[in-house]
């Protein structure tokens, strides 16, 4: 199987690599992180070996790239209940890369902070 694998991305940091891997697995695409154990042993190894490599079978590469490049959806639907969740959007730059804190939202793209009731 290793002969049919191609490297899509390289990651220096494990959390970012695991998120990308999880996104592909959730879409049903088999994928692997090469060299992740070397970096788990000592993260200084990441720069020396060129980071962790996210690999997929060659036949799934195009679909995997499309999934990784897709943005954050505006609405998420819980398949078990049918309940919809509206993803917060930054009022300044309209990014959906937003973190929610107890009484505050913060945009990761432009660092704008605001208070808003998103339960509407």
PDB file of N, CA and C in Angstrom:
ATOM      1  N   UNK A   1       0.827  -1.201   0.000  1.00  0.00           N
ATOM      2  CA  UNK A   1       0.000   0.000   0.000  1.00  0.00           C
ATOM      3  C   UNK A   1       0.860   1.248   0.000  1.00  0.00           C
ATOM      4  N   UNK A   2       2.054   1.206   0.600  1.00  0.00           N
ATOM      5  CA  UNK A   2       2.898   2.392   0.700  1.00  0.00           C
ATOM      6  C   UNK A   2       3.300   2.915  -0.676  1.00  0.00           C
ATOM      7  N   UNK A   3       3.359   2.039  -1.686  1.00  0.00           N
ATOM      8  CA  UNK A   3       3.737   2.487  -3.019  1.00  0.00           C
ATOM      9  C   UNK A   3       2.698   3.415  -3.624  1.00  0.00           C
ATOM     10  N   UNK A   4       1.425   3.272  -3.233  1.00  0.00           N
ATOM     11  CA  UNK A   4       0.365   4.071  -3.805  1.00  0.00           C
ATOM     12  C   UNK A   4       0.032   5.316  -3.008  1.00  0.00           C
ATOM     13  N   UNK A   5       0.839   5.658  -2.003  1.00  0.00           N
ATOM     14  CA  UNK A   5       0.569   6.829  -1.174  1.00  0.00           C
ATOM     15  C   UNK A   5       1.296   8.052  -1.717  1.00  0.00           C
ATOM     16  N   UNK A   6       0.628   9.198  -1.617  1.00  0.00           N
ATOM     17  CA  UNK A   6       1.290  10.450  -1.958  1.00  0.00           C
ATOM     18  C   UNK A   6       1.155  11.410  -0.780  1.00  0.00           C
ATOM     19  N   UNK A   7       2.107  12.286  -0.642  1.00  0.00           N
ATOM     20  CA  UNK A   7       2.096  13.281   0.434  1.00  0.00           C
ATOM     21  C   UNK A   7       1.328  14.505  -0.038  1.00  0.00           C
ATOM     22  N   UNK A   8       0.283  14.851   0.720  1.00  0.00           N
ATOM     23  CA  UNK A   8      -0.516  16.040   0.401  1.00  0.00           C
ATOM     24  C   UNK A   8       0.039  17.280   1.070  1.00  0.00           C
ATOM     25  N   UNK A   9       0.388  17.155   2.361  1.00  0.00           N
ATOM     26  CA  UNK A   9       0.808  18.305   3.157  1.00  0.00           C
ATOM     27  C   UNK A   9       1.887  17.877   4.133  1.00  0.00           C
ATOM     28  N   UNK A  10       2.627  18.868   4.583  1.00  0.00           N
ATOM     29  CA  UNK A  10       3.592  18.669   5.660  1.00  0.00           C
ATOM     30  C   UNK A  10       3.212  19.589   6.803  1.00  0.00           C
ATOM     31  N   UNK A  11       3.327  19.083   8.022  1.00  0.00           N
ATOM     32  CA  UNK A  11       2.966  19.854   9.210  1.00  0.00           C
ATOM     33  C   UNK A  11       4.108  19.833  10.200  1.00  0.00           C
ATOM     34  N   UNK A  12       4.404  20.971  10.759  1.00  0.00           N
ATOM     35  CA  UNK A  12       5.426  21.060  11.799  1.00  0.00           C
ATOM     36  C   UNK A  12       4.855  20.643  13.139  1.00  0.00           C
ATOM     37  N   UNK A  13       3.588  21.023  13.396  1.00  0.00           N
ATOM     38  CA  UNK A  13       2.984  20.810  14.702  1.00  0.00           C
ATOM     39  C   UNK A  13       1.943  19.689  14.663  1.00  0.00           C
ATOM     40  N   UNK A  14       1.968  18.846  15.679  1.00  0.00           N
ATOM     41  CA  UNK A  14       1.083  17.688  15.748  1.00  0.00           C
ATOM     42  C   UNK A  14      -0.395  18.056  15.788  1.00  0.00           C
ATOM     43  N   UNK A  15      -0.842  19.044  16.582  1.00  0.00           N
ATOM     44  CA  UNK A  15      -2.287  19.333  16.606  1.00  0.00           C
ATOM     45  C   UNK A  15      -2.854  19.688  15.228  1.00  0.00           C
ATOM     46  N   UNK A  16      -2.135  20.483  14.471  1.00  0.00           N
ATOM     47  CA  UNK A  16      -2.601  20.857  13.137  1.00  0.00           C
ATOM     48  C   UNK A  16      -2.672  19.636  12.220  1.00  0.00           C
ATOM     49  N   UNK A  17      -1.678  18.761  12.328  1.00  0.00           N
ATOM     50  CA  UNK A  17      -1.661  17.543  11.509  1.00  0.00           C
ATOM     51  C   UNK A  17      -2.828  16.618  11.877  1.00  0.00           C
ATOM     52  N   UNK A  18      -3.093  16.488  13.167  1.00  0.00           N
ATOM     53  CA  UNK A  18      -4.184  15.612  13.605  1.00  0.00           C
ATOM     54  C   UNK A  18      -5.543  16.158  13.189  1.00  0.00           C
ATOM     55  N   UNK A  19      -5.706  17.473  13.187  1.00  0.00           N
ATOM     56  CA  UNK A  19      -6.967  18.061  12.722  1.00  0.00           C
ATOM     57  C   UNK A  19      -7.194  17.770  11.243  1.00  0.00           C
ATOM     58  N   UNK A  20      -6.168  17.924  10.432  1.00  0.00           N
ATOM     59  CA  UNK A  20      -6.301  17.649   8.997  1.00  0.00           C
ATOM     60  C   UNK A  20      -6.591  16.166   8.772  1.00  0.00           C
ATOM     61  N   UNK A  21      -5.904  15.313   9.499  1.00  0.00           N
ATOM     62  CA  UNK A  21      -6.132  13.868   9.384  1.00  0.00           C
ATOM     63  C   UNK A  21      -7.560  13.528   9.782  1.00  0.00           C
ATOM     64  N   UNK A  22      -8.039  14.115  10.862  1.00  0.00           N
ATOM     65  CA  UNK A  22      -9.399  13.867  11.312  1.00  0.00           C
ATOM     66  C   UNK A  22     -10.443  14.343  10.317  1.00  0.00           C
ATOM     67  N   UNK A  23     -10.172  15.464   9.671  1.00  0.00           N
ATOM     68  CA  UNK A  23     -11.100  15.992   8.670  1.00  0.00           C
ATOM     69  C   UNK A  23     -11.231  15.025   7.497  1.00  0.00           C
ATOM     70  N   UNK A  24     -10.113  14.448   7.064  1.00  0.00           N
ATOM     71  CA  UNK A  24     -10.156  13.484   5.965  1.00  0.00           C
ATOM     72  C   UNK A  24     -10.828  12.184   6.390  1.00  0.00           C
ATOM     73  N   UNK A  25     -10.511  11.712   7.584  1.00  0.00           N
ATOM     74  CA  UNK A  25     -11.125  10.474   8.066  1.00  0.00           C
ATOM     75  C   UNK A  25     -12.632  10.626   8.232  1.00  0.00           C
ATOM     76  N   UNK A  26     -13.078  11.796   8.684  1.00  0.00           N
ATOM     77  CA  UNK A  26     -14.511  12.040   8.834  1.00  0.00           C
ATOM     78  C   UNK A  26     -15.224  12.001   7.484  1.00  0.00           C
ATOM     79  N   UNK A  27     -14.502  12.318   6.420  1.00  0.00           N
ATOM     80  CA  UNK A  27     -15.070  12.275   5.079  1.00  0.00           C
ATOM     81  C   UNK A  27     -14.919  10.895   4.444  1.00  0.00           C
ATOM     82  N   UNK A  28     -14.353   9.947   5.194  1.00  0.00           N
ATOM     83  CA  UNK A  28     -14.215   8.580   4.692  1.00  0.00           C
ATOM     84  C   UNK A  28     -12.975   8.338   3.857  1.00  0.00           C
ATOM     85  N   UNK A  29     -12.002   9.220   3.932  1.00  0.00           N
ATOM     86  CA  UNK A  29     -10.760   9.055   3.177  1.00  0.00           C
ATOM     87  C   UNK A  29      -9.690   8.497   4.097  1.00  0.00           C
ATOM     88  N   UNK A  30      -9.153   7.355   3.726  1.00  0.00           N
ATOM     89  CA  UNK A  30      -8.085   6.738   4.504  1.00  0.00           C
ATOM     90  C   UNK A  30      -6.822   7.579   4.351  1.00  0.00           C
ATOM     91  N   UNK A  31      -6.163   7.882   5.479  1.00  0.00           N
ATOM     92  CA  UNK A  31      -4.958   8.703   5.428  1.00  0.00           C
ATOM     93  C   UNK A  31      -4.014   8.311   6.561  1.00  0.00           C
ATOM     94  N   UNK A  32      -2.776   8.759   6.431  1.00  0.00           N
ATOM     95  CA  UNK A  32      -1.730   8.394   7.374  1.00  0.00           C
ATOM     96  C   UNK A  32      -0.848   9.599   7.662  1.00  0.00           C
ATOM     97  N   UNK A  33      -0.332   9.667   8.879  1.00  0.00           N
ATOM     98  CA  UNK A  33       0.676  10.665   9.220  1.00  0.00           C
ATOM     99  C   UNK A  33       2.027   9.955   9.298  1.00  0.00           C
ATOM    100  N   UNK A  34       2.906  10.295   8.391  1.00  0.00           N
ATOM    101  CA  UNK A  34       4.247   9.720   8.396  1.00  0.00           C
ATOM    102  C   UNK A  34       5.145  10.587   9.272  1.00  0.00           C
ATOM    103  N   UNK A  35       5.993   9.960  10.034  1.00  0.00           N
ATOM    104  CA  UNK A  35       6.975  10.612  10.903  1.00  0.00           C
ATOM    105  C   UNK A  35       6.363  11.271  12.133  1.00  0.00           C
ATOM    106  N   UNK A  36       5.104  11.022  12.420  1.00  0.00           N
ATOM    107  CA  UNK A  36       4.491  11.646  13.595  1.00  0.00           C
ATOM    108  C   UNK A  36       5.090  11.121  14.890  1.00  0.00           C
ATOM    109  N   UNK A  37       5.481   9.850  14.924  1.00  0.00           N
ATOM    110  CA  UNK A  37       6.081   9.325  16.152  1.00  0.00           C
ATOM    111  C   UNK A  37       7.449   9.928  16.433  1.00  0.00           C
ATOM    112  N   UNK A  38       8.210  10.229  15.389  1.00  0.00           N
ATOM    113  CA  UNK A  38       9.504  10.899  15.586  1.00  0.00           C
ATOM    114  C   UNK A  38       9.299  12.268  16.236  1.00  0.00           C
ATOM    115  N   UNK A  39       8.268  12.950  15.808  1.00  0.00           N
ATOM    116  CA  UNK A  39       8.014  14.291  16.330  1.00  0.00           C
ATOM    117  C   UNK A  39       7.384  14.217  17.719  1.00  0.00           C
ATOM    118  N   UNK A  40       6.609  13.186  17.981  1.00  0.00           N
ATOM    119  CA  UNK A  40       6.054  13.004  19.330  1.00  0.00           C
ATOM    120  C   UNK A  40       7.167  12.756  20.348  1.00  0.00           C
ATOM    121  N   UNK A  41       8.227  12.089  19.913  1.00  0.00           N
ATOM    122  CA  UNK A  41       9.354  11.828  20.812  1.00  0.00           C
ATOM    123  C   UNK A  41      10.075  13.123  21.180  1.00  0.00           C
ATOM    124  N   UNK A  42      10.263  13.982  20.187  1.00  0.00           N
ATOM    125  CA  UNK A  42      10.958  15.251  20.421  1.00  0.00           C
ATOM    126  C   UNK A  42      10.580  16.206  19.299  1.00  0.00           C
ATOM    127  N   UNK A  43       9.791  17.231  19.626  1.00  0.00           N
ATOM    128  CA  UNK A  43       9.262  18.103  18.582  1.00  0.00           C
ATOM    129  C   UNK A  43      10.344  18.878  17.844  1.00  0.00           C
ATOM    130  N   UNK A  44      11.563  18.943  18.400  1.00  0.00           N
ATOM    131  CA  UNK A  44      12.663  19.585  17.677  1.00  0.00           C
ATOM    132  C   UNK A  44      13.007  18.816  16.399  1.00  0.00           C
ATOM    133  N   UNK A  45      12.644  17.534  16.364  1.00  0.00           N
ATOM    134  CA  UNK A  45      12.896  16.726  15.169  1.00  0.00           C
ATOM    135  C   UNK A  45      12.092  17.216  13.972  1.00  0.00           C
ATOM    136  N   UNK A  46      11.009  17.908  14.201  1.00  0.00           N
ATOM    137  CA  UNK A  46      10.115  18.312  13.119  1.00  0.00           C
ATOM    138  C   UNK A  46      10.855  19.117  12.046  1.00  0.00           C
ATOM    139  N   UNK A  47      11.605  20.108  12.447  1.00  0.00           N
ATOM    140  CA  UNK A  47      12.339  20.907  11.464  1.00  0.00           C
ATOM    141  C   UNK A  47      13.436  20.094  10.779  1.00  0.00           C
ATOM    142  N   UNK A  48      14.060  19.200  11.521  1.00  0.00           N
ATOM    143  CA  UNK A  48      15.164  18.419  10.964  1.00  0.00           C
ATOM    144  C   UNK A  48      14.690  17.448   9.883  1.00  0.00           C
ATOM    145  N   UNK A  49      13.503  16.870  10.056  1.00  0.00           N
ATOM    146  CA  UNK A  49      13.033  15.859   9.095  1.00  0.00           C
ATOM    147  C   UNK A  49      11.971  16.402   8.135  1.00  0.00           C
ATOM    148  N   UNK A  50      11.673  17.685   8.231  1.00  0.00           N
ATOM    149  CA  UNK A  50      10.710  18.270   7.306  1.00  0.00           C
ATOM    150  C   UNK A  50       9.265  18.124   7.733  1.00  0.00           C
ATOM    151  N   UNK A  51       9.039  17.882   8.998  1.00  0.00           N
ATOM    152  CA  UNK A  51       7.678  17.802   9.516  1.00  0.00           C
ATOM    153  C   UNK A  51       7.010  16.465   9.272  1.00  0.00           C
ATOM    154  N   UNK A  52       5.775  16.374   9.736  1.00  0.00           N
ATOM    155  CA  UNK A  52       4.959  15.180   9.520  1.00  0.00           C
ATOM    156  C   UNK A  52       4.345  15.280   8.137  1.00  0.00           C
ATOM    157  N   UNK A  53       4.211  14.143   7.488  1.00  0.00           N
ATOM    158  CA  UNK A  53       3.647  14.114   6.141  1.00  0.00           C
ATOM    159  C   UNK A  53       2.259  13.484   6.190  1.00  0.00           C
ATOM    160  N   UNK A  54       1.252  14.211   5.727  1.00  0.00           N
ATOM    161  CA  UNK A  54      -0.095  13.670   5.613  1.00  0.00           C
ATOM    162  C   UNK A  54      -0.188  12.987   4.259  1.00  0.00           C
ATOM    163  N   UNK A  55      -0.419  11.675   4.279  1.00  0.00           N
ATOM    164  CA  UNK A  55      -0.414  10.892   3.054  1.00  0.00           C
ATOM    165  C   UNK A  55      -1.764  10.226   2.827  1.00  0.00           C
ATOM    166  N   UNK A  56      -2.135  10.143   1.558  1.00  0.00           N
ATOM    167  CA  UNK A  56      -3.385   9.489   1.151  1.00  0.00           C
ATOM    168  C   UNK A  56      -3.085   8.607  -0.048  1.00  0.00           C
ATOM    169  N   UNK A  57      -3.961   7.612  -0.296  1.00  0.00           N
ATOM    170  CA  UNK A  57      -3.813   6.849  -1.537  1.00  0.00           C
ATOM    171  C   UNK A  57      -3.947   7.784  -2.737  1.00  0.00           C
ATOM    172  N   UNK A  58      -3.184   7.511  -3.760  1.00  0.00           N
ATOM    173  CA  UNK A  58      -3.151   8.378  -4.935  1.00  0.00           C
ATOM    174  C   UNK A  58      -4.545   8.591  -5.533  1.00  0.00           C
ATOM    175  N   UNK A  59      -5.374   7.579  -5.498  1.00  0.00           N
ATOM    176  CA  UNK A  59      -6.716   7.676  -6.086  1.00  0.00           C
ATOM    177  C   UNK A  59      -7.610   8.665  -5.327  1.00  0.00           C
ATOM    178  N   UNK A  60      -7.302   8.931  -4.059  1.00  0.00           N
ATOM    179  CA  UNK A  60      -8.116   9.831  -3.236  1.00  0.00           C
ATOM    180  C   UNK A  60      -7.532  11.234  -3.115  1.00  0.00           C
ATOM    181  N   UNK A  61      -6.418  11.498  -3.767  1.00  0.00           N
ATOM    182  CA  UNK A  61      -5.699  12.766  -3.580  1.00  0.00           C
ATOM    183  C   UNK A  61      -6.540  13.981  -3.948  1.00  0.00           C
ATOM    184  N   UNK A  62      -7.211  13.943  -5.083  1.00  0.00           N
ATOM    185  CA  UNK A  62      -7.985  15.106  -5.532  1.00  0.00           C
ATOM    186  C   UNK A  62      -9.121  15.423  -4.554  1.00  0.00           C
ATOM    187  N   UNK A  63      -9.841  14.401  -4.119  1.00  0.00           N
ATOM    188  CA  UNK A  63     -10.933  14.611  -3.162  1.00  0.00           C
ATOM    189  C   UNK A  63     -10.386  15.106  -1.830  1.00  0.00           C
ATOM    190  N   UNK A  64      -9.248  14.576  -1.399  1.00  0.00           N
ATOM    191  CA  UNK A  64      -8.652  14.983  -0.127  1.00  0.00           C
ATOM    192  C   UNK A  64      -8.227  16.444  -0.157  1.00  0.00           C
ATOM    193  N   UNK A  65      -7.644  16.878  -1.251  1.00  0.00           N
ATOM    194  CA  UNK A  65      -7.236  18.278  -1.387  1.00  0.00           C
ATOM    195  C   UNK A  65      -8.463  19.183  -1.327  1.00  0.00           C
ATOM    196  N   UNK A  66      -9.517  18.796  -2.006  1.00  0.00           N
ATOM    197  CA  UNK A  66     -10.751  19.590  -1.999  1.00  0.00           C
ATOM    198  C   UNK A  66     -11.301  19.713  -0.577  1.00  0.00           C
ATOM    199  N   UNK A  67     -11.276  18.629   0.179  1.00  0.00           N
ATOM    200  CA  UNK A  67     -11.775  18.655   1.561  1.00  0.00           C
ATOM    201  C   UNK A  67     -10.904  19.544   2.436  1.00  0.00           C
ATOM    202  N   UNK A  68      -9.594  19.409   2.320  1.00  0.00           N
ATOM    203  CA  UNK A  68      -8.692  20.214   3.141  1.00  0.00           C
ATOM    204  C   UNK A  68      -8.780  21.703   2.812  1.00  0.00           C
ATOM    205  N   UNK A  69      -9.079  22.022   1.561  1.00  0.00           N
ATOM    206  CA  UNK A  69      -9.166  23.428   1.161  1.00  0.00           C
ATOM    207  C   UNK A  69     -10.543  24.036   1.404  1.00  0.00           C
ATOM    208  N   UNK A  70     -11.521  23.197   1.720  1.00  0.00           N
ATOM    209  CA  UNK A  70     -12.866  23.721   1.959  1.00  0.00           C
ATOM    210  C   UNK A  70     -12.874  24.520   3.254  1.00  0.00           C
ATOM    211  N   UNK A  71     -13.662  25.552   3.266  1.00  0.00           N
ATOM    212  CA  UNK A  71     -13.734  26.421   4.435  1.00  0.00           C
ATOM    213  C   UNK A  71     -14.656  25.859   5.506  1.00  0.00           C
ATOM    214  N   UNK A  72     -14.862  26.660   6.508  1.00  0.00           N
ATOM    215  CA  UNK A  72     -15.752  26.298   7.607  1.00  0.00           C
ATOM    216  C   UNK A  72     -17.184  26.522   7.129  1.00  0.00           C
ATOM    217  N   UNK A  73     -18.057  25.515   7.220  1.00  0.00           N
ATOM    218  CA  UNK A  73     -19.427  25.693   6.729  1.00  0.00           C
ATOM    219  C   UNK A  73     -20.207  26.699   7.570  1.00  0.00           C
ATOM    220  N   UNK A  74     -21.160  27.383   6.939  1.00  0.00           N
ATOM    221  CA  UNK A  74     -21.976  28.377   7.636  1.00  0.00           C
ATOM    222  C   UNK A  74     -22.931  27.723   8.622  1.00  0.00           C
ATOM    223  N   UNK A  75     -23.430  26.531   8.277  1.00  0.00           N
ATOM    224  CA  UNK A  75     -24.393  25.831   9.133  1.00  0.00           C
ATOM    225  C   UNK A  75     -23.954  24.382   9.274  1.00  0.00           C
ATOM    226  N   UNK A  76     -23.988  23.889  10.499  1.00  0.00           N
ATOM    227  CA  UNK A  76     -23.726  22.479  10.778  1.00  0.00           C
ATOM    228  C   UNK A  76     -25.033  21.840  11.211  1.00  0.00           C
ATOM    229  N   UNK A  77     -25.272  20.606  10.780  1.00  0.00           N
ATOM    230  CA  UNK A  77     -26.509  19.911  11.125  1.00  0.00           C
ATOM    231  C   UNK A  77     -26.168  18.639  11.885  1.00  0.00           C
ATOM    232  N   UNK A  78     -26.769  18.480  13.057  1.00  0.00           N
ATOM    233  CA  UNK A  78     -26.620  17.260  13.850  1.00  0.00           C
ATOM    234  C   UNK A  78     -27.479  16.189  13.188  1.00  0.00           C
ATOM    235  N   UNK A  79     -26.840  15.182  12.619  1.00  0.00           N
ATOM    236  CA  UNK A  79     -27.562  14.161  11.867  1.00  0.00           C
ATOM    237  C   UNK A  79     -28.515  13.348  12.730  1.00  0.00           C
ATOM    238  N   UNK A  80     -28.213  13.203  14.008  1.00  0.00           N
ATOM    239  CA  UNK A  80     -29.078  12.392  14.866  1.00  0.00           C
ATOM    240  C   UNK A  80     -30.344  13.132  15.282  1.00  0.00           C
ATOM    241  N   UNK A  81     -30.279  14.453  15.439  1.00  0.00           N
ATOM    242  CA  UNK A  81     -31.450  15.218  15.892  1.00  0.00           C
ATOM    243  C   UNK A  81     -32.014  16.142  14.818  1.00  0.00           C
ATOM    244  N   UNK A  82     -31.220  16.432  13.782  1.00  0.00           N
ATOM    245  CA  UNK A  82     -31.648  17.363  12.755  1.00  0.00           C
ATOM    246  C   UNK A  82     -31.479  18.816  13.167  1.00  0.00           C
ATOM    247  N   UNK A  83     -30.961  19.036  14.373  1.00  0.00           N
ATOM    248  CA  UNK A  83     -30.769  20.395  14.878  1.00  0.00           C
ATOM    249  C   UNK A  83     -29.656  21.095  14.095  1.00  0.00           C
ATOM    250  N   UNK A  84     -29.883  22.379  13.792  1.00  0.00           N
ATOM    251  CA  UNK A  84     -28.902  23.166  13.053  1.00  0.00           C
ATOM    252  C   UNK A  84     -28.132  24.086  13.988  1.00  0.00           C
ATOM    253  N   UNK A  85     -26.846  24.264  13.689  1.00  0.00           N
ATOM    254  CA  UNK A  85     -25.994  25.169  14.452  1.00  0.00           C
ATOM    255  C   UNK A  85     -25.384  26.152  13.473  1.00  0.00           C
ATOM    256  N   UNK A  86     -25.613  27.427  13.685  1.00  0.00           N
ATOM    257  CA  UNK A  86     -25.041  28.474  12.833  1.00  0.00           C
ATOM    258  C   UNK A  86     -23.648  28.820  13.336  1.00  0.00           C
ATOM    259  N   UNK A  87     -22.680  28.697  12.459  1.00  0.00           N
ATOM    260  CA  UNK A  87     -21.297  29.015  12.810  1.00  0.00           C
ATOM    261  C   UNK A  87     -21.155  30.522  12.976  1.00  0.00           C
ATOM    262  N   UNK A  88     -20.562  30.994  14.081  1.00  0.00           N
ATOM    263  CA  UNK A  88     -20.346  32.434  14.248  1.00  0.00           C
ATOM    264  C   UNK A  88     -19.476  32.994  13.118  1.00  0.00           C
ATOM    265  N   UNK A  89     -19.754  34.229  12.756  1.00  0.00           N
ATOM    266  CA  UNK A  89     -18.992  34.895  11.701  1.00  0.00           C
ATOM    267  C   UNK A  89     -18.528  36.251  12.214  1.00  0.00           C
ATOM    268  N   UNK A  90     -17.298  36.582  11.965  1.00  0.00           N
ATOM    269  CA  UNK A  90     -16.735  37.856  12.407  1.00  0.00           C
ATOM    270  C   UNK A  90     -17.448  39.013  11.712  1.00  0.00           C
ATOM    271  N   UNK A  91     -17.955  39.988  12.469  1.00  0.00           N
ATOM    272  CA  UNK A  91     -18.624  41.118  11.842  1.00  0.00           C
ATOM    273  C   UNK A  91     -17.657  42.050  11.103  1.00  0.00           C
ATOM    274  N   UNK A  92     -16.364  41.907  11.372  1.00  0.00           N
ATOM    275  CA  UNK A  92     -15.385  42.798  10.746  1.00  0.00           C
ATOM    276  C   UNK A  92     -14.856  42.233   9.426  1.00  0.00           C
ATOM    277  N   UNK A  93     -14.399  40.968   9.430  1.00  0.00           N
ATOM    278  CA  UNK A  93     -13.789  40.404   8.216  1.00  0.00           C
ATOM    279  C   UNK A  93     -14.598  39.244   7.619  1.00  0.00           C
ATOM    280  N   UNK A  94     -15.660  38.830   8.292  1.00  0.00           N
ATOM    281  CA  UNK A  94     -16.577  37.777   7.849  1.00  0.00           C
ATOM    282  C   UNK A  94     -15.946  36.384   7.835  1.00  0.00           C
ATOM    283  N   UNK A  95     -14.856  36.200   8.543  1.00  0.00           N
ATOM    284  CA  UNK A  95     -14.247  34.889   8.694  1.00  0.00           C
ATOM    285  C   UNK A  95     -15.105  34.050   9.641  1.00  0.00           C
ATOM    286  N   UNK A  96     -15.121  32.737   9.419  1.00  0.00           N
ATOM    287  CA  UNK A  96     -15.824  31.829  10.328  1.00  0.00           C
ATOM    288  C   UNK A  96     -14.849  31.130  11.268  1.00  0.00           C
ATOM    289  N   UNK A  97     -13.603  31.546  11.240  1.00  0.00           N
ATOM    290  CA  UNK A  97     -12.601  30.982  12.143  1.00  0.00           C
ATOM    291  C   UNK A  97     -12.672  31.761  13.453  1.00  0.00           C
ATOM    292  N   UNK A  98     -13.703  31.444  14.248  1.00  0.00           N
ATOM    293  CA  UNK A  98     -14.054  32.211  15.439  1.00  0.00           C
ATOM    294  C   UNK A  98     -14.008  31.306  16.663  1.00  0.00           C
ATOM    295  N   UNK A  99     -13.451  31.832  17.749  1.00  0.00           N
ATOM    296  CA  UNK A  99     -13.428  31.119  19.029  1.00  0.00           C
ATOM    297  C   UNK A  99     -14.438  31.761  19.965  1.00  0.00           C
ATOM    298  N   UNK A 100     -15.125  30.913  20.726  1.00  0.00           N
ATOM    299  CA  UNK A 100     -16.131  31.413  21.656  1.00  0.00           C
ATOM    300  C   UNK A 100     -15.616  31.263  23.075  1.00  0.00           C
ATOM    301  N   UNK A 101     -15.675  32.350  23.824  1.00  0.00           N
ATOM    302  CA  UNK A 101     -15.302  32.374  25.227  1.00  0.00           C
ATOM    303  C   UNK A 101     -16.567  32.696  26.018  1.00  0.00           C
ATOM    304  N   UNK A 102     -16.559  32.635  27.358  1.00  0.00           N
ATOM    305  CA  UNK A 102     -17.797  32.819  28.127  1.00  0.00           C
ATOM    306  C   UNK A 102     -18.658  34.013  27.719  1.00  0.00           C
ATOM    307  N   UNK A 103     -18.133  35.198  27.586  1.00  0.00           N
ATOM    308  CA  UNK A 103     -18.940  36.351  27.188  1.00  0.00           C
ATOM    309  C   UNK A 103     -18.320  37.089  26.009  1.00  0.00           C
ATOM    310  N   UNK A 104     -17.587  36.362  25.176  1.00  0.00           N
ATOM    311  CA  UNK A 104     -16.815  37.037  24.150  1.00  0.00           C
ATOM    312  C   UNK A 104     -16.548  36.092  22.979  1.00  0.00           C
ATOM    313  N   UNK A 105     -16.522  36.653  21.777  1.00  0.00           N
ATOM    314  CA  UNK A 105     -16.090  35.934  20.591  1.00  0.00           C
ATOM    315  C   UNK A 105     -14.821  36.593  20.091  1.00  0.00           C
ATOM    316  N   UNK A 106     -13.909  35.776  19.533  1.00  0.00           N
ATOM    317  CA  UNK A 106     -12.663  36.319  18.986  1.00  0.00           C
ATOM    318  C   UNK A 106     -12.400  35.686  17.634  1.00  0.00           C
ATOM    319  N   UNK A 107     -12.112  36.531  16.657  1.00  0.00           N
ATOM    320  CA  UNK A 107     -11.806  36.078  15.308  1.00  0.00           C
ATOM    321  C   UNK A 107     -10.319  35.728  15.221  1.00  0.00           C
ATOM    322  N   UNK A 108     -10.023  34.532  14.754  1.00  0.00           N
ATOM    323  CA  UNK A 108      -8.626  34.120  14.613  1.00  0.00           C
ATOM    324  C   UNK A 108      -7.967  34.773  13.405  1.00  0.00           C
ATOM    325  N   UNK A 109      -8.759  35.218  12.442  1.00  0.00           N
ATOM    326  CA  UNK A 109      -8.199  35.817  11.238  1.00  0.00           C
ATOM    327  C   UNK A 109      -7.745  37.257  11.463  1.00  0.00           C
ATOM    328  N   UNK A 110      -8.580  38.070  12.130  1.00  0.00           N
ATOM    329  CA  UNK A 110      -8.236  39.493  12.292  1.00  0.00           C
ATOM    330  C   UNK A 110      -8.118  39.923  13.758  1.00  0.00           C
ATOM    331  N   UNK A 111      -8.339  38.989  14.682  1.00  0.00           N
ATOM    332  CA  UNK A 111      -8.233  39.214  16.123  1.00  0.00           C
ATOM    333  C   UNK A 111      -9.295  40.175  16.665  1.00  0.00           C
ATOM    334  N   UNK A 112     -10.340  40.425  15.907  1.00  0.00           N
ATOM    335  CA  UNK A 112     -11.455  41.264  16.372  1.00  0.00           C
ATOM    336  C   UNK A 112     -12.195  40.526  17.491  1.00  0.00           C
ATOM    337  N   UNK A 113     -12.626  41.276  18.525  1.00  0.00           N
ATOM    338  CA  UNK A 113     -13.357  40.701  19.642  1.00  0.00           C
ATOM    339  C   UNK A 113     -14.702  41.381  19.745  1.00  0.00           C
ATOM    340  N   UNK A 114     -15.755  40.610  20.054  1.00  0.00           N
ATOM    341  CA  UNK A 114     -17.081  41.186  20.192  1.00  0.00           C
ATOM    342  C   UNK A 114     -17.969  40.308  21.058  1.00  0.00           C
ATOM    343  N   UNK A 115     -19.049  40.911  21.525  1.00  0.00           N
ATOM    344  CA  UNK A 115     -20.082  40.207  22.286  1.00  0.00           C
ATOM    345  C   UNK A 115     -21.302  40.106  21.376  1.00  0.00           C
ATOM    346  N   UNK A 116     -21.904  38.924  21.350  1.00  0.00           N
ATOM    347  CA  UNK A 116     -23.085  38.744  20.514  1.00  0.00           C
ATOM    348  C   UNK A 116     -23.841  37.517  20.974  1.00  0.00           C
ATOM    349  N   UNK A 117     -25.151  37.602  20.942  1.00  0.00           N
ATOM    350  CA  UNK A 117     -25.987  36.454  21.262  1.00  0.00           C
ATOM    351  C   UNK A 117     -26.210  35.681  19.965  1.00  0.00           C
ATOM    352  N   UNK A 118     -25.565  34.510  19.828  1.00  0.00           N
ATOM    353  CA  UNK A 118     -25.675  33.724  18.606  1.00  0.00           C
ATOM    354  C   UNK A 118     -26.733  32.634  18.711  1.00  0.00           C
ATOM    355  N   UNK A 119     -27.533  32.647  19.744  1.00  0.00           N
ATOM    356  CA  UNK A 119     -28.545  31.625  19.897  1.00  0.00           C
ATOM    357  C   UNK A 119     -29.784  31.914  19.045  1.00  0.00           C
ATOM    358  N   UNK A 120     -29.766  33.014  18.312  1.00  0.00           N
ATOM    359  CA  UNK A 120     -30.908  33.418  17.482  1.00  0.00           C
ATOM    360  C   UNK A 120     -31.129  32.446  16.346  1.00  0.00           C
TER     361      UNK A 120
END
